[in-house]
């Protein structure tokens, strides 16, 4: 299991390196594909998706594709597109009534924002001035925090952070994860010639937020009675199982970079 997880992790890192370093349309299309797959996983968990494609599910995908097209061609219309996506979902709701329940409509819109919009900030961060360097802060803060929290938790963890939701996570591990992310950010800033204190602060905040993303995804799985969102990535689960923390970190890193750098 560990070997499978390790190999999958290496492959993911290589794909991230290739697409993010290339940027432009390659990164754009990769994130669009990842967003659609992740949304499908969420829709399956939230009972929006059934054994076959549903009209509501397709409307959700159209909303994500439309948002990405606006992002690429007309960024000033992003909010308008999201409102249009909600109108489309409500159109499906009322004209197929009573096929779908209100909870499914809300879950469909939630998927568009939670997966599609929030993951798109990886691309938006890459497009910033200096984005070729800033974008890696998303992964340093999220995956770095997760790794540091894991090891500090093993060595020093005594007090459970959320025993009902994630029994293995400890308060000591959380603090270690945040400090570890800050340290990694500072090192990255020093190596790349960035602003060390800003990179450290950004990664510390990003690490803290990444924990909320991780726990949020776990809470949804607990509520829906599933272990993993999918099995696309051997040893890791689905897209949402691997990118749960990145989803929350990406938009926050984007705005922190715009504000502090």
Protein backbone atom coordinates (compact mmCIF):
# COMPACT_ATOMS: atom_id res chain seq x y z
CA UNK A 1 0.00 0.00 0.00
CA UNK A 2 2.80 2.41 0.92
CA UNK A 3 4.68 1.61 -2.29
CA UNK A 4 1.55 2.22 -4.38
CA UNK A 5 0.87 5.49 -2.58
CA UNK A 6 4.49 6.60 -3.03
CA UNK A 7 4.53 5.85 -6.77
CA UNK A 8 1.20 7.63 -7.26
CA UNK A 9 2.50 10.61 -5.31
CA UNK A 10 5.62 10.82 -7.48
CA UNK A 11 3.52 10.67 -10.64
CA UNK A 12 1.27 13.45 -9.32
CA UNK A 13 4.28 15.65 -8.56
CA UNK A 14 5.70 15.06 -12.05
CA UNK A 15 2.36 15.97 -13.65
CA UNK A 16 2.16 19.09 -11.49
CA UNK A 17 5.69 20.08 -12.48
CA UNK A 18 4.98 19.59 -16.18
CA UNK A 19 1.66 21.40 -16.30
CA UNK A 20 2.45 24.25 -13.91
CA UNK A 21 5.87 24.97 -15.37
CA UNK A 22 4.35 24.97 -18.86
CA UNK A 23 1.43 27.14 -17.75
CA UNK A 24 -0.90 28.77 -20.29
CA UNK A 25 -3.38 26.51 -22.08
CA UNK A 26 -1.77 23.28 -20.81
CA UNK A 27 -2.39 24.21 -17.18
CA UNK A 28 -5.79 25.64 -18.06
CA UNK A 29 -7.01 22.43 -19.75
CA UNK A 30 -5.52 20.23 -17.02
CA UNK A 31 -7.33 22.15 -14.29
CA UNK A 32 -10.57 22.10 -16.26
CA UNK A 33 -10.31 18.31 -16.57
CA UNK A 34 -9.41 17.92 -12.88
CA UNK A 35 -12.33 20.18 -11.90
CA UNK A 36 -14.82 18.15 -13.94
CA UNK A 37 -13.57 14.85 -12.52
CA UNK A 38 -13.56 16.22 -8.97
CA UNK A 39 -17.06 17.60 -9.42
CA UNK A 40 -18.26 14.24 -10.67
CA UNK A 41 -16.86 12.63 -7.51
CA UNK A 42 -18.66 15.17 -5.35
CA UNK A 43 -21.90 14.79 -7.31
CA UNK A 44 -21.75 11.03 -6.82
CA UNK A 45 -21.23 11.47 -3.07
CA UNK A 46 -24.04 14.05 -2.82
CA UNK A 47 -26.48 11.97 -4.90
CA UNK A 48 -26.54 14.44 -7.80
CA UNK A 49 -24.99 11.80 -10.04
CA UNK A 50 -26.65 8.43 -10.45
CA UNK A 51 -25.55 5.34 -12.39
CA UNK A 52 -25.90 7.30 -15.62
CA UNK A 53 -25.53 10.99 -16.44
CA UNK A 54 -28.39 13.12 -15.19
CA UNK A 55 -29.63 16.42 -16.60
CA UNK A 56 -28.80 18.19 -13.34
CA UNK A 57 -25.28 16.79 -13.37
CA UNK A 58 -24.72 17.91 -16.97
CA UNK A 59 -26.00 21.40 -16.09
CA UNK A 60 -23.36 21.54 -13.34
CA UNK A 61 -20.60 20.61 -15.79
CA UNK A 62 -21.84 23.28 -18.21
CA UNK A 63 -21.58 25.79 -15.37
CA UNK A 64 -17.94 24.85 -14.74
CA UNK A 65 -16.98 24.88 -18.42
CA UNK A 66 -18.68 28.25 -18.84
CA UNK A 67 -16.79 29.66 -15.87
CA UNK A 68 -13.46 28.48 -17.24
CA UNK A 69 -14.23 29.94 -20.67
CA UNK A 70 -15.00 33.28 -19.02
CA UNK A 71 -11.77 33.02 -17.08
CA UNK A 72 -9.85 32.57 -20.31
CA UNK A 73 -11.73 34.90 -22.64
CA UNK A 74 -13.70 37.42 -20.58
CA UNK A 75 -12.72 37.47 -16.87
CA UNK A 76 -14.99 40.45 -16.18
CA UNK A 77 -18.04 38.21 -16.74
CA UNK A 78 -17.14 35.51 -14.21
CA UNK A 79 -19.75 36.56 -11.65
CA UNK A 80 -22.40 36.87 -14.36
CA UNK A 81 -21.57 33.35 -15.53
CA UNK A 82 -21.98 31.93 -12.02
CA UNK A 83 -25.38 33.58 -11.72
CA UNK A 84 -26.24 32.11 -15.12
CA UNK A 85 -25.13 28.68 -13.88
CA UNK A 86 -27.50 28.99 -10.92
CA UNK A 87 -30.34 30.02 -13.24
CA UNK A 88 -29.60 26.97 -15.43
CA UNK A 89 -29.74 24.65 -12.41
CA UNK A 90 -33.03 26.18 -11.31
CA UNK A 91 -34.35 25.81 -14.85
CA UNK A 92 -33.64 22.08 -14.65
CA UNK A 93 -35.18 21.98 -11.18
CA UNK A 94 -38.51 23.58 -12.04
CA UNK A 95 -39.05 22.04 -15.48
CA UNK A 96 -38.32 18.49 -14.32
CA UNK A 97 -40.12 18.85 -10.97
CA UNK A 98 -40.42 16.72 -8.85
CA UNK A 99 -37.46 14.69 -10.19
CA UNK A 100 -34.88 16.55 -8.09
CA UNK A 101 -34.92 17.77 -4.50
CA UNK A 102 -33.77 21.21 -3.34
CA UNK A 103 -30.79 19.61 -1.58
CA UNK A 104 -29.54 18.23 -4.90
CA UNK A 105 -29.80 21.66 -6.54
CA UNK A 106 -27.78 23.22 -3.73
CA UNK A 107 -25.22 20.41 -3.96
CA UNK A 108 -24.93 20.95 -7.72
CA UNK A 109 -24.21 24.68 -7.28
CA UNK A 110 -21.88 23.95 -4.38
CA UNK A 111 -19.87 21.65 -6.66
CA UNK A 112 -19.42 24.38 -9.27
CA UNK A 113 -17.96 26.78 -6.68
CA UNK A 114 -16.23 24.35 -4.32
CA UNK A 115 -14.38 22.42 -7.02
CA UNK A 116 -14.51 24.38 -10.28
CA UNK A 117 -14.09 27.96 -9.10
CA UNK A 118 -11.71 27.34 -6.22
CA UNK A 119 -9.35 25.06 -8.16
CA UNK A 120 -9.23 27.64 -10.98
CA UNK A 121 -7.21 29.88 -8.66
CA UNK A 122 -4.19 27.67 -9.33
CA UNK A 123 -4.33 28.93 -12.92
CA UNK A 124 -5.11 32.47 -11.80
CA UNK A 125 -2.14 32.48 -9.42
CA UNK A 126 0.10 31.18 -12.21
CA UNK A 127 -1.02 34.13 -14.36
CA UNK A 128 0.06 36.75 -11.81
CA UNK A 129 3.30 38.70 -12.22
CA UNK A 130 5.82 36.31 -10.75
CA UNK A 131 3.17 33.61 -10.81
CA UNK A 132 5.63 30.99 -12.01
CA UNK A 133 7.10 31.18 -8.50
CA UNK A 134 4.04 32.17 -6.45
CA UNK A 135 1.90 29.25 -7.64
CA UNK A 136 4.09 26.73 -5.82
CA UNK A 137 3.15 28.34 -2.51
CA UNK A 138 -0.25 26.67 -2.91
CA UNK A 139 1.31 23.21 -2.80
CA UNK A 140 4.06 24.06 -0.32
CA UNK A 141 1.52 25.35 2.18
CA UNK A 142 -1.04 22.57 1.73
CA UNK A 143 1.03 19.44 1.15
CA UNK A 144 3.94 20.76 3.23
CA UNK A 145 1.64 21.46 6.17
CA UNK A 146 0.05 18.03 5.84
CA UNK A 147 3.43 16.28 5.86
CA UNK A 148 4.82 18.29 8.78
CA UNK A 149 1.61 17.86 10.78
CA UNK A 150 1.76 14.10 10.21
CA UNK A 151 5.30 13.71 11.54
CA UNK A 152 4.93 16.14 14.45
CA UNK A 153 1.68 14.39 15.35
CA UNK A 154 3.42 11.01 15.41
CA UNK A 155 6.32 12.27 17.53
CA UNK A 156 4.55 14.69 19.88
CA UNK A 157 0.78 14.43 19.38
CA UNK A 158 -1.22 13.98 22.58
CA UNK A 159 -4.32 16.20 22.36
CA UNK A 160 -6.94 15.33 19.76
CA UNK A 161 -8.03 18.23 17.58
CA UNK A 162 -11.32 16.89 16.18
CA UNK A 163 -11.81 13.43 17.73
CA UNK A 164 -15.23 12.84 16.19
CA UNK A 165 -14.19 13.86 12.70
CA UNK A 166 -10.52 12.88 12.37
CA UNK A 167 -9.29 10.96 15.45
CA UNK A 168 -5.65 10.82 14.30
CA UNK A 169 -5.18 14.60 14.00
CA UNK A 170 -3.75 16.36 17.03
CA UNK A 171 -3.35 19.96 18.15
CA UNK A 172 0.41 19.49 18.35
CA UNK A 173 0.42 18.21 14.79
CA UNK A 174 -1.62 21.22 13.65
CA UNK A 175 0.83 23.68 15.18
CA UNK A 176 3.76 21.73 13.75
CA UNK A 177 2.12 21.73 10.34
CA UNK A 178 1.62 25.50 10.32
CA UNK A 179 5.16 26.20 11.56
CA UNK A 180 6.56 23.67 9.11
CA UNK A 181 4.70 25.29 6.21
CA UNK A 182 6.05 28.70 7.28
CA UNK A 183 9.59 27.34 7.41
CA UNK A 184 9.24 25.72 3.99
CA UNK A 185 7.86 28.99 2.62
CA UNK A 186 10.82 30.93 4.04
CA UNK A 187 13.29 28.45 2.55
CA UNK A 188 11.53 28.61 -0.81
CA UNK A 189 11.64 32.42 -0.70
CA UNK A 190 15.36 32.42 0.08
CA UNK A 191 16.14 29.94 -2.71
CA UNK A 192 14.04 31.67 -5.37
CA UNK A 193 14.91 35.24 -4.40
CA UNK A 194 11.41 35.99 -3.15
CA UNK A 195 10.41 38.03 -0.11
CA UNK A 196 11.22 35.60 2.68
CA UNK A 197 8.90 37.01 5.35
CA UNK A 198 5.99 37.28 2.90
CA UNK A 199 6.44 33.72 1.64
CA UNK A 200 6.66 32.45 5.23
CA UNK A 201 3.50 34.33 6.25
CA UNK A 202 1.60 33.24 3.15
CA UNK A 203 2.50 29.58 3.70
CA UNK A 204 1.61 29.76 7.40
CA UNK A 205 -1.84 31.16 6.63
CA UNK A 206 -2.20 28.76 3.71
CA UNK A 207 -1.25 25.82 5.93
CA UNK A 208 -3.84 26.78 8.52
CA UNK A 209 -6.55 27.11 5.87
CA UNK A 210 -5.51 23.84 4.23
CA UNK A 211 -6.45 22.00 7.43
CA UNK A 212 -9.97 23.38 7.15
CA UNK A 213 -10.10 22.12 3.58
CA UNK A 214 -8.93 18.66 4.62
CA UNK A 215 -11.37 18.43 7.52
CA UNK A 216 -14.24 19.80 5.42
CA UNK A 217 -13.76 17.05 2.85
CA UNK A 218 -13.63 14.48 5.65
CA UNK A 219 -16.84 15.87 7.15
CA UNK A 220 -18.67 15.51 3.84
CA UNK A 221 -17.47 11.92 3.50
CA UNK A 222 -18.55 11.12 7.05
CA UNK A 223 -22.00 12.61 6.44
CA UNK A 224 -22.38 10.64 3.22
CA UNK A 225 -21.02 7.39 4.66
CA UNK A 226 -18.12 6.93 2.21
CA UNK A 227 -14.42 6.28 2.79
CA UNK A 228 -13.03 7.88 -0.37
CA UNK A 229 -14.45 10.08 -3.09
CA UNK A 230 -13.11 7.76 -5.79
CA UNK A 231 -10.33 5.41 -6.80
CA UNK A 232 -8.72 7.30 -9.68
CA UNK A 233 -5.37 7.74 -7.88
CA UNK A 234 -4.07 4.40 -6.50
CA UNK A 235 -3.31 4.65 -2.81
CA UNK A 236 -4.83 8.12 -2.51
CA UNK A 237 -8.46 7.75 -3.60
CA UNK A 238 -10.08 10.28 -5.88
CA UNK A 239 -9.22 13.77 -7.04
CA UNK A 240 -10.96 15.31 -4.03
CA UNK A 241 -9.13 13.01 -1.63
CA UNK A 242 -5.78 14.34 -2.86
CA UNK A 243 -6.73 17.97 -3.57
CA UNK A 244 -9.07 18.61 -0.64
CA UNK A 245 -6.63 20.96 1.07
CA UNK A 246 -5.43 22.55 -2.20
CA UNK A 247 -9.03 23.50 -3.04
CA UNK A 248 -9.18 25.78 0.01
CA UNK A 249 -5.60 26.97 -0.18
CA UNK A 250 -5.53 28.07 -3.85
CA UNK A 251 -7.87 31.11 -3.68
CA UNK A 252 -6.42 32.28 -0.38
CA UNK A 253 -2.85 32.08 -1.67
CA UNK A 254 -3.93 34.03 -4.76
CA UNK A 255 -5.35 36.92 -2.71
CA UNK A 256 -2.44 36.87 -0.25
CA UNK A 257 0.02 37.12 -3.15
CA UNK A 258 -1.94 40.01 -4.64
CA UNK A 259 -1.98 41.77 -1.26
CA UNK A 260 1.51 41.08 0.12
CA UNK A 261 3.81 40.65 -2.87
